[in-house]
Each structure stands twice: as C-alpha cells, then as structure tokens.
Amino acid sequence: MALVACPECGHQVSTLAKACPQCGAPPPGARTSEPVITGGLLGKLATVLGAWLVMPWVVRLLTFIAAMVMFSVMFAFSR
C-alpha cells in the first residue's frame, strides 16, 4: 500500500482506495471498471434458472394433489 498524490486536489491517497476521500476522484492507476460477471451475478442466474426449471414441476404436483383430494371427496360423498 502506497500513498500517492490525488491528480485533482493533491491530497495523499492510498493506492488501494477507490476514490480520494477529499474530492472523490479515482487515484492514479486505479481500475475504473468492475468485472462484468461476478460471483453474485452467477448465483442470481443459477437461482433464476433453477426456479424456471423446477417451478412447473411444483405446479404439476400441487395440481395432482388437488385433483386427488377432489376425487376422494367426490367419491366419499357419492355413496
């Protein structure tokens, strides 16, 4: 970790800082862009894909259970 002069205001800024605490300018040599794909993004994509694949099966199961309950009630009261 080194201290460098801020190109905007001249105050000392750490090279690990994302911005100058005085004026908010990025320090020299700082990365200006974040990676496009991060772990959080991959996790969200996996969650959405999993829900998209699993949800139809859950709905089908609930429909099947509701139909079985309906048929059992219909046959129980038909006697």
C-alpha atoms as a PDB file:
ATOM      1  CA  MET A   1       0.000   0.000   0.000  1.00  0.00           C
ATOM      2  CA  ALA A   2       1.474   3.275  -1.083  1.00  0.00           C
ATOM      3  CA  LEU A   3       0.336   6.852  -0.805  1.00  0.00           C
ATOM      4  CA  VAL A   4       0.143   8.900  -3.985  1.00  0.00           C
ATOM      5  CA  ALA A   5      -0.955  12.431  -4.711  1.00  0.00           C
ATOM      6  CA  CYS A   6      -4.515  12.841  -5.977  1.00  0.00           C
ATOM      7  CA  PRO A   7      -4.449  14.220  -9.539  1.00  0.00           C
ATOM      8  CA  GLU A   8      -7.393  16.529  -8.784  1.00  0.00           C
ATOM      9  CA  CYS A   9      -6.746  18.031  -5.356  1.00  0.00           C
ATOM     10  CA  GLY A  10      -3.186  16.948  -4.469  1.00  0.00           C
ATOM     11  CA  HIS A  11      -4.028  15.254  -1.152  1.00  0.00           C
ATOM     12  CA  GLN A  12      -2.385  11.936  -0.248  1.00  0.00           C
ATOM     13  CA  VAL A  13      -4.481   8.923  -1.258  1.00  0.00           C
ATOM     14  CA  SER A  14      -3.855   5.221  -0.747  1.00  0.00           C
ATOM     15  CA  THR A  15      -3.435   3.174  -3.913  1.00  0.00           C
ATOM     16  CA  LEU A  16      -5.985   0.723  -2.505  1.00  0.00           C
ATOM     17  CA  ALA A  17      -8.651   3.426  -2.177  1.00  0.00           C
ATOM     18  CA  LYS A  18     -11.399   3.549  -4.753  1.00  0.00           C
ATOM     19  CA  ALA A  19     -11.650   7.321  -4.563  1.00  0.00           C
ATOM     20  CA  CYS A  20      -9.968  10.297  -2.941  1.00  0.00           C
ATOM     21  CA  PRO A  21     -11.641  10.980   0.420  1.00  0.00           C
ATOM     22  CA  GLN A  22     -11.241  14.719  -0.159  1.00  0.00           C
ATOM     23  CA  CYS A  23     -12.608  15.213  -3.700  1.00  0.00           C
ATOM     24  CA  GLY A  24     -13.878  11.770  -4.814  1.00  0.00           C
ATOM     25  CA  ALA A  25     -11.567  11.430  -7.830  1.00  0.00           C
ATOM     26  CA  PRO A  26     -10.116   7.974  -8.556  1.00  0.00           C
ATOM     27  CA  PRO A  27      -6.432   7.627  -7.609  1.00  0.00           C
ATOM     28  CA  PRO A  28      -3.875   7.192 -10.393  1.00  0.00           C
ATOM     29  CA  GLY A  29      -3.601   3.580 -11.561  1.00  0.00           C
ATOM     30  CA  ALA A  30      -6.964   2.577 -10.089  1.00  0.00           C
ATOM     31  CA  ARG A  31      -9.169   0.208 -12.039  1.00  0.00           C
ATOM     32  CA  THR A  32     -12.088   2.156 -13.409  1.00  0.00           C
ATOM     33  CA  SER A  33     -14.341  -0.735 -14.410  1.00  0.00           C
ATOM     34  CA  GLU A  34     -15.714  -3.625 -12.406  1.00  0.00           C
ATOM     35  CA  PRO A  35     -15.788  -7.170 -13.836  1.00  0.00           C
ATOM     36  CA  VAL A  36     -18.928  -7.879 -15.844  1.00  0.00           C
ATOM     37  CA  ILE A  37     -19.602 -11.325 -14.378  1.00  0.00           C
ATOM     38  CA  THR A  38     -19.250 -11.623 -10.621  1.00  0.00           C
ATOM     39  CA  GLY A  39     -19.999 -14.399  -8.156  1.00  0.00           C
ATOM     40  CA  GLY A  40     -23.189 -12.631  -7.123  1.00  0.00           C
ATOM     41  CA  LEU A  41     -24.371 -12.417 -10.708  1.00  0.00           C
ATOM     42  CA  LEU A  42     -23.663 -16.102 -11.339  1.00  0.00           C
ATOM     43  CA  GLY A  43     -25.531 -17.022  -8.166  1.00  0.00           C
ATOM     44  CA  LYS A  44     -28.553 -14.985  -9.232  1.00  0.00           C
ATOM     45  CA  LEU A  45     -28.513 -16.545 -12.697  1.00  0.00           C
ATOM     46  CA  ALA A  46     -28.339 -20.032 -11.192  1.00  0.00           C
ATOM     47  CA  THR A  47     -31.266 -19.234  -8.886  1.00  0.00           C
ATOM     48  CA  VAL A  48     -33.424 -17.926 -11.718  1.00  0.00           C
ATOM     49  CA  LEU A  49     -32.571 -20.881 -13.956  1.00  0.00           C
ATOM     50  CA  GLY A  50     -33.279 -23.350 -11.163  1.00  0.00           C
ATOM     51  CA  ALA A  51     -36.625 -21.730 -10.352  1.00  0.00           C
ATOM     52  CA  TRP A  52     -37.527 -21.665 -14.043  1.00  0.00           C
ATOM     53  CA  LEU A  53     -36.838 -25.399 -14.352  1.00  0.00           C
ATOM     54  CA  VAL A  54     -38.352 -26.519 -11.023  1.00  0.00           C
ATOM     55  CA  MET A  55     -41.487 -24.366 -10.802  1.00  0.00           C
ATOM     56  CA  PRO A  56     -43.530 -26.196 -13.490  1.00  0.00           C
ATOM     57  CA  TRP A  57     -42.980 -29.485 -11.646  1.00  0.00           C
ATOM     58  CA  VAL A  58     -44.125 -27.947  -8.364  1.00  0.00           C
ATOM     59  CA  VAL A  59     -47.275 -26.619 -10.021  1.00  0.00           C
ATOM     60  CA  ARG A  60     -47.985 -30.014 -11.601  1.00  0.00           C
ATOM     61  CA  LEU A  61     -47.532 -31.742  -8.236  1.00  0.00           C
ATOM     62  CA  LEU A  62     -49.893 -29.323  -6.486  1.00  0.00           C
ATOM     63  CA  THR A  63     -52.463 -29.777  -9.260  1.00  0.00           C
ATOM     64  CA  PHE A  64     -52.213 -33.555  -8.956  1.00  0.00           C
ATOM     65  CA  ILE A  65     -52.661 -33.417  -5.177  1.00  0.00           C
ATOM     66  CA  ALA A  66     -55.666 -31.081  -5.520  1.00  0.00           C
ATOM     67  CA  ALA A  67     -57.241 -33.421  -8.096  1.00  0.00           C
ATOM     68  CA  MET A  68     -56.741 -36.452  -5.837  1.00  0.00           C
ATOM     69  CA  VAL A  69     -58.335 -34.636  -2.906  1.00  0.00           C
ATOM     70  CA  MET A  70     -61.242 -33.541  -5.101  1.00  0.00           C
ATOM     71  CA  PHE A  71     -61.840 -37.074  -6.425  1.00  0.00           C
ATOM     72  CA  SER A  72     -61.632 -38.610  -2.956  1.00  0.00           C
ATOM     73  CA  VAL A  73     -64.179 -36.102  -1.627  1.00  0.00           C
ATOM     74  CA  MET A  74     -66.469 -36.680  -4.629  1.00  0.00           C
ATOM     75  CA  PHE A  75     -66.386 -40.467  -4.205  1.00  0.00           C
ATOM     76  CA  ALA A  76     -66.775 -40.258  -0.433  1.00  0.00           C
ATOM     77  CA  PHE A  77     -69.998 -38.200  -0.682  1.00  0.00           C
ATOM     78  CA  SER A  78     -71.453 -40.063  -3.691  1.00  0.00           C
ATOM     79  CA  ARG A  79     -72.437 -43.121  -1.615  1.00  0.00           C
END
